[in-house]
PDB file of N, CA and C in Angstrom:
ATOM      1  N   MET A   1      37.238 -60.783 -58.827  1.00  0.00           N
ATOM      2  CA  MET A   1      36.376 -61.932 -58.605  1.00  0.00           C
ATOM      3  C   MET A   1      35.463 -61.618 -57.422  1.00  0.00           C
ATOM      4  N   THR A   2      34.175 -61.897 -57.578  1.00  0.00           N
ATOM      5  CA  THR A   2      33.233 -61.667 -56.488  1.00  0.00           C
ATOM      6  C   THR A   2      33.347 -62.797 -55.461  1.00  0.00           C
ATOM      7  N   PHE A   3      32.767 -62.578 -54.284  1.00  0.00           N
ATOM      8  CA  PHE A   3      32.776 -63.611 -53.254  1.00  0.00           C
ATOM      9  C   PHE A   3      32.071 -64.872 -53.748  1.00  0.00           C
ATOM     10  N   GLN A   4      30.944 -64.699 -54.428  1.00  0.00           N
ATOM     11  CA  GLN A   4      30.192 -65.840 -54.935  1.00  0.00           C
ATOM     12  C   GLN A   4      31.016 -66.633 -55.955  1.00  0.00           C
ATOM     13  N   GLU A   5      31.729 -65.944 -56.830  1.00  0.00           N
ATOM     14  CA  GLU A   5      32.593 -66.625 -57.799  1.00  0.00           C
ATOM     15  C   GLU A   5      33.734 -67.350 -57.091  1.00  0.00           C
ATOM     16  N   GLN A   6      34.298 -66.706 -56.054  1.00  0.00           N
ATOM     17  CA  GLN A   6      35.391 -67.340 -55.302  1.00  0.00           C
ATOM     18  C   GLN A   6      34.894 -68.575 -54.563  1.00  0.00           C
ATOM     19  N   LEU A   7      33.703 -68.490 -53.982  1.00  0.00           N
ATOM     20  CA  LEU A   7      33.122 -69.631 -53.286  1.00  0.00           C
ATOM     21  C   LEU A   7      32.902 -70.793 -54.247  1.00  0.00           C
ATOM     22  N   ALA A   8      32.369 -70.508 -55.420  1.00  0.00           N
ATOM     23  CA  ALA A   8      32.150 -71.552 -56.423  1.00  0.00           C
ATOM     24  C   ALA A   8      33.475 -72.183 -56.838  1.00  0.00           C
ATOM     25  N   ALA A   9      34.500 -71.370 -57.018  1.00  0.00           N
ATOM     26  CA  ALA A   9      35.821 -71.891 -57.397  1.00  0.00           C
ATOM     27  C   ALA A   9      36.404 -72.751 -56.284  1.00  0.00           C
ATOM     28  N   ASP A  10      36.248 -72.306 -55.023  1.00  0.00           N
ATOM     29  CA  ASP A  10      36.764 -73.076 -53.891  1.00  0.00           C
ATOM     30  C   ASP A  10      36.053 -74.419 -53.765  1.00  0.00           C
ATOM     31  N   LEU A  11      34.726 -74.432 -53.930  1.00  0.00           N
ATOM     32  CA  LEU A  11      33.980 -75.678 -53.812  1.00  0.00           C
ATOM     33  C   LEU A  11      34.280 -76.635 -54.955  1.00  0.00           C
ATOM     34  N   ALA A  12      34.641 -76.107 -56.110  1.00  0.00           N
ATOM     35  CA  ALA A  12      34.969 -76.953 -57.258  1.00  0.00           C
ATOM     36  C   ALA A  12      36.356 -77.570 -57.119  1.00  0.00           C
ATOM     37  N   ASP A  13      37.178 -77.010 -56.258  1.00  0.00           N
ATOM     38  CA  ASP A  13      38.543 -77.507 -56.075  1.00  0.00           C
ATOM     39  C   ASP A  13      38.538 -78.646 -55.056  1.00  0.00           C
ATOM     40  N   PRO A  14      38.728 -79.891 -55.476  1.00  0.00           N
ATOM     41  CA  PRO A  14      38.651 -81.031 -54.568  1.00  0.00           C
ATOM     42  C   PRO A  14      39.751 -81.045 -53.516  1.00  0.00           C
ATOM     43  N   ARG A  15      40.755 -80.209 -53.648  1.00  0.00           N
ATOM     44  CA  ARG A  15      41.826 -80.192 -52.659  1.00  0.00           C
ATOM     45  C   ARG A  15      41.442 -79.425 -51.399  1.00  0.00           C
ATOM     46  N   LEU A  16      40.330 -78.728 -51.436  1.00  0.00           N
ATOM     47  CA  LEU A  16      39.934 -77.956 -50.265  1.00  0.00           C
ATOM     48  C   LEU A  16      39.066 -78.795 -49.345  1.00  0.00           C
ATOM     49  N   PHE A  17      37.961 -78.303 -48.897  1.00  0.00           N
ATOM     50  CA  PHE A  17      37.161 -78.931 -47.856  1.00  0.00           C
ATOM     51  C   PHE A  17      36.828 -80.395 -48.112  1.00  0.00           C
ATOM     52  N   PHE A  18      36.519 -80.750 -49.336  1.00  0.00           N
ATOM     53  CA  PHE A  18      36.084 -82.108 -49.636  1.00  0.00           C
ATOM     54  C   PHE A  18      37.241 -83.021 -50.032  1.00  0.00           C
ATOM     55  N   ASP A  19      38.431 -82.714 -49.575  1.00  0.00           N
ATOM     56  CA  ASP A  19      39.617 -83.524 -49.834  1.00  0.00           C
ATOM     57  C   ASP A  19      39.673 -84.636 -48.787  1.00  0.00           C
ATOM     58  N   THR A  20      39.704 -85.893 -49.221  1.00  0.00           N
ATOM     59  CA  THR A  20      39.759 -87.009 -48.282  1.00  0.00           C
ATOM     60  C   THR A  20      41.115 -87.108 -47.584  1.00  0.00           C
ATOM     61  N   GLY A  21      42.097 -86.350 -48.040  1.00  0.00           N
ATOM     62  CA  GLY A  21      43.374 -86.280 -47.342  1.00  0.00           C
ATOM     63  C   GLY A  21      43.351 -85.218 -46.264  1.00  0.00           C
ATOM     64  N   GLY A  22      42.265 -84.472 -46.189  1.00  0.00           N
ATOM     65  CA  GLY A  22      42.136 -83.403 -45.213  1.00  0.00           C
ATOM     66  C   GLY A  22      40.935 -83.618 -44.321  1.00  0.00           C
ATOM     67  N   PHE A  23      39.845 -82.917 -44.618  1.00  0.00           N
ATOM     68  CA  PHE A  23      38.667 -82.938 -43.767  1.00  0.00           C
ATOM     69  C   PHE A  23      37.666 -84.036 -44.114  1.00  0.00           C
ATOM     70  N   ALA A  24      37.602 -84.450 -45.346  1.00  0.00           N
ATOM     71  CA  ALA A  24      36.534 -85.346 -45.804  1.00  0.00           C
ATOM     72  C   ALA A  24      36.885 -86.826 -45.651  1.00  0.00           C
ATOM     73  N   VAL A  25      35.836 -87.635 -45.690  1.00  0.00           N
ATOM     74  CA  VAL A  25      35.970 -89.093 -45.729  1.00  0.00           C
ATOM     75  C   VAL A  25      35.229 -89.590 -46.967  1.00  0.00           C
ATOM     76  N   SER A  26      35.613 -90.742 -47.455  1.00  0.00           N
ATOM     77  CA  SER A  26      34.901 -91.352 -48.583  1.00  0.00           C
ATOM     78  C   SER A  26      33.716 -92.129 -48.045  1.00  0.00           C
ATOM     79  N   VAL A  27      32.558 -91.910 -48.646  1.00  0.00           N
ATOM     80  CA  VAL A  27      31.360 -92.649 -48.267  1.00  0.00           C
ATOM     81  C   VAL A  27      30.760 -93.255 -49.525  1.00  0.00           C
ATOM     82  N   ALA A  28      30.050 -94.344 -49.337  1.00  0.00           N
ATOM     83  CA  ALA A  28      29.283 -94.931 -50.440  1.00  0.00           C
ATOM     84  C   ALA A  28      27.856 -94.452 -50.264  1.00  0.00           C
ATOM     85  N   TYR A  29      27.376 -93.660 -51.214  1.00  0.00           N
ATOM     86  CA  TYR A  29      26.033 -93.094 -51.151  1.00  0.00           C
ATOM     87  C   TYR A  29      25.146 -93.865 -52.112  1.00  0.00           C
ATOM     88  N   THR A  30      24.073 -94.447 -51.588  1.00  0.00           N
ATOM     89  CA  THR A  30      23.148 -95.238 -52.408  1.00  0.00           C
ATOM     90  C   THR A  30      21.749 -94.650 -52.324  1.00  0.00           C
ATOM     91  N   PRO A  31      21.277 -94.019 -53.404  1.00  0.00           N
ATOM     92  CA  PRO A  31      19.898 -93.515 -53.407  1.00  0.00           C
ATOM     93  C   PRO A  31      18.905 -94.673 -53.292  1.00  0.00           C
ATOM     94  N   VAL A  32      17.727 -94.388 -52.770  1.00  0.00           N
ATOM     95  CA  VAL A  32      16.687 -95.412 -52.634  1.00  0.00           C
ATOM     96  C   VAL A  32      16.451 -96.107 -53.966  1.00  0.00           C
ATOM     97  N   SER A  33      16.425 -95.352 -55.038  1.00  0.00           N
ATOM     98  CA  SER A  33      16.224 -95.949 -56.361  1.00  0.00           C
ATOM     99  C   SER A  33      17.434 -95.628 -57.234  1.00  0.00           C
ATOM    100  N   GLY A  34      18.549 -96.299 -56.960  1.00  0.00           N
ATOM    101  CA  GLY A  34      19.752 -96.046 -57.736  1.00  0.00           C
ATOM    102  C   GLY A  34      20.897 -96.935 -57.307  1.00  0.00           C
ATOM    103  N   THR A  35      22.048 -96.657 -57.869  1.00  0.00           N
ATOM    104  CA  THR A  35      23.238 -97.448 -57.562  1.00  0.00           C
ATOM    105  C   THR A  35      24.190 -96.629 -56.696  1.00  0.00           C
ATOM    106  N   ALA A  36      25.022 -97.332 -55.953  1.00  0.00           N
ATOM    107  CA  ALA A  36      25.967 -96.694 -55.032  1.00  0.00           C
ATOM    108  C   ALA A  36      27.055 -95.934 -55.786  1.00  0.00           C
ATOM    109  N   ARG A  37      27.449 -94.804 -55.221  1.00  0.00           N
ATOM    110  CA  ARG A  37      28.569 -94.007 -55.736  1.00  0.00           C
ATOM    111  C   ARG A  37      29.448 -93.651 -54.562  1.00  0.00           C
ATOM    112  N   THR A  38      30.753 -93.686 -54.759  1.00  0.00           N
ATOM    113  CA  THR A  38      31.681 -93.258 -53.727  1.00  0.00           C
ATOM    114  C   THR A  38      31.954 -91.777 -53.917  1.00  0.00           C
ATOM    115  N   ILE A  39      31.686 -91.001 -52.857  1.00  0.00           N
ATOM    116  CA  ILE A  39      31.853 -89.549 -52.914  1.00  0.00           C
ATOM    117  C   ILE A  39      32.507 -89.065 -51.622  1.00  0.00           C
ATOM    118  N   PRO A  40      33.138 -87.898 -51.653  1.00  0.00           N
ATOM    119  CA  PRO A  40      33.690 -87.333 -50.419  1.00  0.00           C
ATOM    120  C   PRO A  40      32.592 -86.646 -49.607  1.00  0.00           C
ATOM    121  N   ALA A  41      32.705 -86.731 -48.280  1.00  0.00           N
ATOM    122  CA  ALA A  41      31.712 -86.120 -47.400  1.00  0.00           C
ATOM    123  C   ALA A  41      32.394 -85.590 -46.147  1.00  0.00           C
ATOM    124  N   LEU A  42      31.825 -84.533 -45.604  1.00  0.00           N
ATOM    125  CA  LEU A  42      32.242 -84.005 -44.314  1.00  0.00           C
ATOM    126  C   LEU A  42      31.241 -84.532 -43.295  1.00  0.00           C
ATOM    127  N   VAL A  43      31.716 -85.293 -42.310  1.00  0.00           N
ATOM    128  CA  VAL A  43      30.827 -85.924 -41.344  1.00  0.00           C
ATOM    129  C   VAL A  43      31.158 -85.414 -39.947  1.00  0.00           C
ATOM    130  N   GLU A  44      30.127 -84.987 -39.222  1.00  0.00           N
ATOM    131  CA  GLU A  44      30.272 -84.577 -37.825  1.00  0.00           C
ATOM    132  C   GLU A  44      29.360 -85.469 -37.000  1.00  0.00           C
ATOM    133  N   TYR A  45      29.982 -86.302 -36.159  1.00  0.00           N
ATOM    134  CA  TYR A  45      29.225 -87.267 -35.365  1.00  0.00           C
ATOM    135  C   TYR A  45      28.598 -86.617 -34.149  1.00  0.00           C
ATOM    136  N   GLY A  46      27.507 -87.199 -33.694  1.00  0.00           N
ATOM    137  CA  GLY A  46      26.797 -86.701 -32.532  1.00  0.00           C
ATOM    138  C   GLY A  46      25.603 -85.874 -32.952  1.00  0.00           C
ATOM    139  N   ASP A  47      24.975 -85.272 -31.979  1.00  0.00           N
ATOM    140  CA  ASP A  47      23.770 -84.485 -32.219  1.00  0.00           C
ATOM    141  C   ASP A  47      24.055 -83.033 -31.866  1.00  0.00           C
ATOM    142  N   PRO A  48      24.554 -82.236 -32.829  1.00  0.00           N
ATOM    143  CA  PRO A  48      24.891 -80.857 -32.525  1.00  0.00           C
ATOM    144  C   PRO A  48      23.673 -79.960 -32.327  1.00  0.00           C
ATOM    145  N   GLU A  49      22.517 -80.422 -32.755  1.00  0.00           N
ATOM    146  CA  GLU A  49      21.307 -79.630 -32.606  1.00  0.00           C
ATOM    147  C   GLU A  49      20.721 -79.846 -31.215  1.00  0.00           C
ATOM    148  N   GLU A  50      20.223 -78.799 -30.618  1.00  0.00           N
ATOM    149  CA  GLU A  50      19.595 -78.920 -29.309  1.00  0.00           C
ATOM    150  C   GLU A  50      18.310 -79.714 -29.435  1.00  0.00           C
ATOM    151  N   GLY A  51      17.964 -80.370 -28.356  1.00  0.00           N
ATOM    152  CA  GLY A  51      16.727 -81.137 -28.352  1.00  0.00           C
ATOM    153  C   GLY A  51      16.919 -82.584 -28.774  1.00  0.00           C
ATOM    154  N   GLY A  52      18.168 -83.023 -28.955  1.00  0.00           N
ATOM    155  CA  GLY A  52      18.413 -84.414 -29.319  1.00  0.00           C
ATOM    156  C   GLY A  52      18.100 -85.340 -28.153  1.00  0.00           C
ATOM    157  N   LEU A  53      18.016 -86.610 -28.419  1.00  0.00           N
ATOM    158  CA  LEU A  53      17.735 -87.573 -27.377  1.00  0.00           C
ATOM    159  C   LEU A  53      18.932 -87.734 -26.463  1.00  0.00           C
ATOM    160  N   PRO A  54      18.714 -87.875 -25.172  1.00  0.00           N
ATOM    161  CA  PRO A  54      19.824 -88.072 -24.244  1.00  0.00           C
ATOM    162  C   PRO A  54      20.629 -89.307 -24.619  1.00  0.00           C
ATOM    163  N   GLY A  55      21.940 -89.195 -24.613  1.00  0.00           N
ATOM    164  CA  GLY A  55      22.816 -90.319 -24.919  1.00  0.00           C
ATOM    165  C   GLY A  55      23.162 -90.480 -26.380  1.00  0.00           C
ATOM    166  N   MET A  56      22.525 -89.733 -27.257  1.00  0.00           N
ATOM    167  CA  MET A  56      22.784 -89.892 -28.691  1.00  0.00           C
ATOM    168  C   MET A  56      24.230 -89.549 -29.026  1.00  0.00           C
ATOM    169  N   ASP A  57      24.783 -88.529 -28.414  1.00  0.00           N
ATOM    170  CA  ASP A  57      26.178 -88.172 -28.690  1.00  0.00           C
ATOM    171  C   ASP A  57      27.106 -89.311 -28.300  1.00  0.00           C
ATOM    172  N   ALA A  58      26.876 -89.912 -27.158  1.00  0.00           N
ATOM    173  CA  ALA A  58      27.747 -90.978 -26.676  1.00  0.00           C
ATOM    174  C   ALA A  58      27.668 -92.218 -27.558  1.00  0.00           C
ATOM    175  N   LEU A  59      26.509 -92.479 -28.118  1.00  0.00           N
ATOM    176  CA  LEU A  59      26.323 -93.682 -28.931  1.00  0.00           C
ATOM    177  C   LEU A  59      26.670 -93.472 -30.399  1.00  0.00           C
ATOM    178  N   HIS A  60      26.856 -92.237 -30.787  1.00  0.00           N
ATOM    179  CA  HIS A  60      27.158 -91.909 -32.184  1.00  0.00           C
ATOM    180  C   HIS A  60      26.161 -92.528 -33.149  1.00  0.00           C
ATOM    181  N   THR A  61      24.882 -92.383 -32.843  1.00  0.00           N
ATOM    182  CA  THR A  61      23.865 -92.892 -33.758  1.00  0.00           C
ATOM    183  C   THR A  61      23.308 -91.786 -34.645  1.00  0.00           C
ATOM    184  N   GLU A  62      23.680 -90.554 -34.370  1.00  0.00           N
ATOM    185  CA  GLU A  62      23.243 -89.419 -35.174  1.00  0.00           C
ATOM    186  C   GLU A  62      24.480 -88.699 -35.698  1.00  0.00           C
ATOM    187  N   ALA A  63      24.369 -88.118 -36.876  1.00  0.00           N
ATOM    188  CA  ALA A  63      25.482 -87.357 -37.446  1.00  0.00           C
ATOM    189  C   ALA A  63      24.946 -86.357 -38.459  1.00  0.00           C
ATOM    190  N   SER A  64      25.768 -85.387 -38.736  1.00  0.00           N
ATOM    191  CA  SER A  64      25.488 -84.410 -39.782  1.00  0.00           C
ATOM    192  C   SER A  64      26.506 -84.654 -40.891  1.00  0.00           C
ATOM    193  N   MET A  65      26.057 -84.656 -42.127  1.00  0.00           N
ATOM    194  CA  MET A  65      26.945 -84.922 -43.254  1.00  0.00           C
ATOM    195  C   MET A  65      26.727 -83.862 -44.321  1.00  0.00           C
ATOM    196  N   GLU A  66      27.812 -83.358 -44.852  1.00  0.00           N
ATOM    197  CA  GLU A  66      27.726 -82.411 -45.957  1.00  0.00           C
ATOM    198  C   GLU A  66      28.397 -83.021 -47.180  1.00  0.00           C
ATOM    199  N   ILE A  67      27.691 -82.925 -48.319  1.00  0.00           N
ATOM    200  CA  ILE A  67      28.216 -83.403 -49.594  1.00  0.00           C
ATOM    201  C   ILE A  67      27.934 -82.342 -50.648  1.00  0.00           C
ATOM    202  N   ARG A  68      28.698 -82.387 -51.716  1.00  0.00           N
ATOM    203  CA  ARG A  68      28.465 -81.425 -52.788  1.00  0.00           C
ATOM    204  C   ARG A  68      27.167 -81.742 -53.517  1.00  0.00           C
ATOM    205  N   ALA A  69      26.459 -80.693 -53.897  1.00  0.00           N
ATOM    206  CA  ALA A  69      25.161 -80.835 -54.567  1.00  0.00           C
ATOM    207  C   ALA A  69      25.330 -80.763 -56.073  1.00  0.00           C
ATOM    208  N   ASP A  70      26.080 -81.712 -56.614  1.00  0.00           N
ATOM    209  CA  ASP A  70      26.212 -81.812 -58.069  1.00  0.00           C
ATOM    210  C   ASP A  70      26.437 -83.267 -58.451  1.00  0.00           C
ATOM    211  N   ALA A  71      26.033 -83.613 -59.643  1.00  0.00           N
ATOM    212  CA  ALA A  71      26.069 -85.004 -60.091  1.00  0.00           C
ATOM    213  C   ALA A  71      27.484 -85.516 -60.334  1.00  0.00           C
ATOM    214  N   THR A  72      28.454 -84.638 -60.525  1.00  0.00           N
ATOM    215  CA  THR A  72      29.819 -85.065 -60.811  1.00  0.00           C
ATOM    216  C   THR A  72      30.615 -85.363 -59.544  1.00  0.00           C
ATOM    217  N   ASN A  73      30.564 -84.464 -58.575  1.00  0.00           N
ATOM    218  CA  ASN A  73      31.399 -84.572 -57.377  1.00  0.00           C
ATOM    219  C   ASN A  73      30.629 -84.929 -56.109  1.00  0.00           C
ATOM    220  N   GLY A  74      29.333 -85.103 -56.226  1.00  0.00           N
ATOM    221  CA  GLY A  74      28.500 -85.402 -55.069  1.00  0.00           C
ATOM    222  C   GLY A  74      27.214 -86.047 -55.530  1.00  0.00           C
ATOM    223  N   MET A  75      26.095 -85.530 -55.042  1.00  0.00           N
ATOM    224  CA  MET A  75      24.787 -86.042 -55.433  1.00  0.00           C
ATOM    225  C   MET A  75      23.917 -84.872 -55.854  1.00  0.00           C
ATOM    226  N   ALA A  76      23.320 -84.979 -57.027  1.00  0.00           N
ATOM    227  CA  ALA A  76      22.428 -83.922 -57.499  1.00  0.00           C
ATOM    228  C   ALA A  76      21.137 -83.916 -56.701  1.00  0.00           C
ATOM    229  N   GLN A  77      20.697 -85.098 -56.272  1.00  0.00           N
ATOM    230  CA  GLN A  77      19.452 -85.216 -55.525  1.00  0.00           C
ATOM    231  C   GLN A  77      19.680 -86.082 -54.299  1.00  0.00           C
ATOM    232  N   VAL A  78      19.099 -85.691 -53.185  1.00  0.00           N
ATOM    233  CA  VAL A  78      19.199 -86.428 -51.928  1.00  0.00           C
ATOM    234  C   VAL A  78      17.780 -86.632 -51.411  1.00  0.00           C
ATOM    235  N   ALA A  79      17.503 -87.806 -50.836  1.00  0.00           N
ATOM    236  CA  ALA A  79      16.162 -88.084 -50.328  1.00  0.00           C
ATOM    237  C   ALA A  79      16.227 -88.862 -49.020  1.00  0.00           C
ATOM    238  N   ALA A  80      15.180 -88.756 -48.240  1.00  0.00           N
ATOM    239  CA  ALA A  80      15.072 -89.527 -47.007  1.00  0.00           C
ATOM    240  C   ALA A  80      15.161 -91.014 -47.334  1.00  0.00           C
ATOM    241  N   ASN A  81      15.829 -91.749 -46.460  1.00  0.00           N
ATOM    242  CA  ASN A  81      16.049 -93.196 -46.549  1.00  0.00           C
ATOM    243  C   ASN A  81      17.136 -93.600 -47.528  1.00  0.00           C
ATOM    244  N   ASP A  82      17.799 -92.654 -48.186  1.00  0.00           N
ATOM    245  CA  ASP A  82      18.991 -93.020 -48.952  1.00  0.00           C
ATOM    246  C   ASP A  82      20.002 -93.611 -47.973  1.00  0.00           C
ATOM    247  N   ALA A  83      20.803 -94.568 -48.435  1.00  0.00           N
ATOM    248  CA  ALA A  83      21.793 -95.225 -47.576  1.00  0.00           C
ATOM    249  C   ALA A  83      23.160 -94.583 -47.757  1.00  0.00           C
ATOM    250  N   VAL A  84      23.868 -94.438 -46.645  1.00  0.00           N
ATOM    251  CA  VAL A  84      25.229 -93.903 -46.649  1.00  0.00           C
ATOM    252  C   VAL A  84      26.086 -94.884 -45.862  1.00  0.00           C
ATOM    253  N   THR A  85      27.093 -95.459 -46.514  1.00  0.00           N
ATOM    254  CA  THR A  85      27.984 -96.380 -45.830  1.00  0.00           C
ATOM    255  C   THR A  85      29.283 -95.662 -45.526  1.00  0.00           C
ATOM    256  N   ILE A  86      29.598 -95.597 -44.233  1.00  0.00           N
ATOM    257  CA  ILE A  86      30.838 -94.984 -43.754  1.00  0.00           C
ATOM    258  C   ILE A  86      31.626 -96.098 -43.075  1.00  0.00           C
ATOM    259  N   GLY A  87      32.736 -96.498 -43.685  1.00  0.00           N
ATOM    260  CA  GLY A  87      33.468 -97.651 -43.171  1.00  0.00           C
ATOM    261  C   GLY A  87      32.608 -98.887 -43.324  1.00  0.00           C
ATOM    262  N   THR A  88      32.267 -99.526 -42.195  1.00  0.00           N
ATOM    263  CA  THR A  88      31.429-100.728 -42.242  1.00  0.00           C
ATOM    264  C   THR A  88      30.011-100.461 -41.756  1.00  0.00           C
ATOM    265  N   GLU A  89      29.722 -99.229 -41.365  1.00  0.00           N
ATOM    266  CA  GLU A  89      28.405 -98.874 -40.830  1.00  0.00           C
ATOM    267  C   GLU A  89      27.497 -98.287 -41.909  1.00  0.00           C
ATOM    268  N   THR A  90      26.246 -98.707 -41.915  1.00  0.00           N
ATOM    269  CA  THR A  90      25.266 -98.148 -42.837  1.00  0.00           C
ATOM    270  C   THR A  90      24.369 -97.177 -42.083  1.00  0.00           C
ATOM    271  N   TRP A  91      24.274 -95.975 -42.620  1.00  0.00           N
ATOM    272  CA  TRP A  91      23.454 -94.910 -42.062  1.00  0.00           C
ATOM    273  C   TRP A  91      22.314 -94.631 -43.038  1.00  0.00           C
ATOM    274  N   ARG A  92      21.276 -93.975 -42.581  1.00  0.00           N
ATOM    275  CA  ARG A  92      20.145 -93.575 -43.424  1.00  0.00           C
ATOM    276  C   ARG A  92      19.962 -92.069 -43.331  1.00  0.00           C
ATOM    277  N   VAL A  93      19.647 -91.462 -44.466  1.00  0.00           N
ATOM    278  CA  VAL A  93      19.355 -90.027 -44.484  1.00  0.00           C
ATOM    279  C   VAL A  93      17.979 -89.814 -43.861  1.00  0.00           C
ATOM    280  N   LEU A  94      17.927 -88.962 -42.848  1.00  0.00           N
ATOM    281  CA  LEU A  94      16.651 -88.606 -42.226  1.00  0.00           C
ATOM    282  C   LEU A  94      16.005 -87.451 -42.981  1.00  0.00           C
ATOM    283  N   TYR A  95      16.795 -86.433 -43.256  1.00  0.00           N
ATOM    284  CA  TYR A  95      16.341 -85.281 -44.044  1.00  0.00           C
ATOM    285  C   TYR A  95      17.566 -84.532 -44.541  1.00  0.00           C
ATOM    286  N   ALA A  96      17.357 -83.662 -45.506  1.00  0.00           N
ATOM    287  CA  ALA A  96      18.461 -82.898 -46.073  1.00  0.00           C
ATOM    288  C   ALA A  96      17.948 -81.556 -46.560  1.00  0.00           C
ATOM    289  N   ARG A  97      18.858 -80.597 -46.608  1.00  0.00           N
ATOM    290  CA  ARG A  97      18.534 -79.287 -47.169  1.00  0.00           C
ATOM    291  C   ARG A  97      19.784 -78.737 -47.824  1.00  0.00           C
ATOM    292  N   ARG A  98      19.575 -77.886 -48.810  1.00  0.00           N
ATOM    293  CA  ARG A  98      20.699 -77.254 -49.502  1.00  0.00           C
ATOM    294  C   ARG A  98      21.144 -76.026 -48.732  1.00  0.00           C
ATOM    295  N   ILE A  99      22.467 -75.855 -48.657  1.00  0.00           N
ATOM    296  CA  ILE A  99      23.047 -74.686 -48.006  1.00  0.00           C
ATOM    297  C   ILE A  99      24.081 -74.073 -48.946  1.00  0.00           C
ATOM    298  N   ASP A 100      24.662 -72.967 -48.540  1.00  0.00           N
ATOM    299  CA  ASP A 100      25.704 -72.288 -49.329  1.00  0.00           C
ATOM    300  C   ASP A 100      25.265 -72.058 -50.771  1.00  0.00           C
ATOM    301  N   ASP A 101      24.157 -71.344 -50.905  1.00  0.00           N
ATOM    302  CA  ASP A 101      23.601 -71.009 -52.223  1.00  0.00           C
ATOM    303  C   ASP A 101      23.287 -72.242 -53.054  1.00  0.00           C
ATOM    304  N   GLY A 102      22.921 -73.335 -52.399  1.00  0.00           N
ATOM    305  CA  GLY A 102      22.509 -74.542 -53.103  1.00  0.00           C
ATOM    306  C   GLY A 102      23.643 -75.418 -53.585  1.00  0.00           C
ATOM    307  N   ARG A 103      24.855 -75.133 -53.169  1.00  0.00           N
ATOM    308  CA  ARG A 103      26.013 -75.902 -53.654  1.00  0.00           C
ATOM    309  C   ARG A 103      26.346 -77.121 -52.801  1.00  0.00           C
ATOM    310  N   ILE A 104      25.790 -77.166 -51.595  1.00  0.00           N
ATOM    311  CA  ILE A 104      26.092 -78.250 -50.663  1.00  0.00           C
ATOM    312  C   ILE A 104      24.790 -78.773 -50.065  1.00  0.00           C
ATOM    313  N   TRP A 105      24.717 -80.106 -49.931  1.00  0.00           N
ATOM    314  CA  TRP A 105      23.627 -80.730 -49.200  1.00  0.00           C
ATOM    315  C   TRP A 105      24.082 -80.917 -47.757  1.00  0.00           C
ATOM    316  N   ARG A 106      23.301 -80.457 -46.807  1.00  0.00           N
ATOM    317  CA  ARG A 106      23.536 -80.791 -45.395  1.00  0.00           C
ATOM    318  C   ARG A 106      22.493 -81.837 -45.033  1.00  0.00           C
ATOM    319  N   CYS A 107      22.976 -83.031 -44.705  1.00  0.00           N
ATOM    320  CA  CYS A 107      22.102 -84.165 -44.433  1.00  0.00           C
ATOM    321  C   CYS A 107      22.179 -84.558 -42.959  1.00  0.00           C
ATOM    322  N   ARG A 108      21.052 -84.893 -42.418  1.00  0.00           N
ATOM    323  CA  ARG A 108      21.009 -85.471 -41.080  1.00  0.00           C
ATOM    324  C   ARG A 108      20.920 -86.968 -41.297  1.00  0.00           C
ATOM    325  N   ILE A 109      21.874 -87.724 -40.739  1.00  0.00           N
ATOM    326  CA  ILE A 109      21.898 -89.167 -40.954  1.00  0.00           C
ATOM    327  C   ILE A 109      21.830 -89.885 -39.600  1.00  0.00           C
ATOM    328  N   SER A 110      21.350 -91.125 -39.631  1.00  0.00           N
ATOM    329  CA  SER A 110      21.216 -91.911 -38.419  1.00  0.00           C
ATOM    330  C   SER A 110      21.520 -93.367 -38.717  1.00  0.00           C
ATOM    331  N   ARG A 111      22.167 -94.009 -37.771  1.00  0.00           N
ATOM    332  CA  ARG A 111      22.376 -95.454 -37.916  1.00  0.00           C
ATOM    333  C   ARG A 111      21.482 -96.219 -36.963  1.00  0.00           C
ATOM    334  N   SER A 112      20.630 -95.495 -36.244  1.00  0.00           N
ATOM    335  CA  SER A 112      19.687 -96.158 -35.346  1.00  0.00           C
ATOM    336  C   SER A 112      18.464 -96.673 -36.108  1.00  0.00           C
ATOM    337  N   THR A 113      18.349 -96.316 -37.366  1.00  0.00           N
ATOM    338  CA  THR A 113      17.188 -96.740 -38.171  1.00  0.00           C
ATOM    339  C   THR A 113      17.479 -97.960 -39.013  1.00  0.00           C
ATOM    340  N   ARG A 114      18.594 -98.606 -38.790  1.00  0.00           N
ATOM    341  CA  ARG A 114      18.934 -99.754 -39.631  1.00  0.00           C
ATOM    342  C   ARG A 114      18.133-100.973 -39.282  1.00  0.00           C
TER     343      ARG A 114
END
């Protein structure tokens, strides 16, 4: 098995990274023009990128979220202003890009835009 095949197999296995009993949390993802779906997501709170606004980490108004880039286990398409509900808080997608050979969406989300 090649590395790429192994990576695809690992990402398809919900017991690994996107397991809500492990690293992931359940979020309600609502596209701007669509209905909400509950999907697993990896969320890292704060502003890990340099150049963030002072105090953003302390206020937890910025976060990075990774979801699977497929219509079955995640979202096939992601767009700015899509809503993400984590617990009782509603966040908005600021921007997103595909990573890991297009299998995962890495989204920058904010709750300061509500």
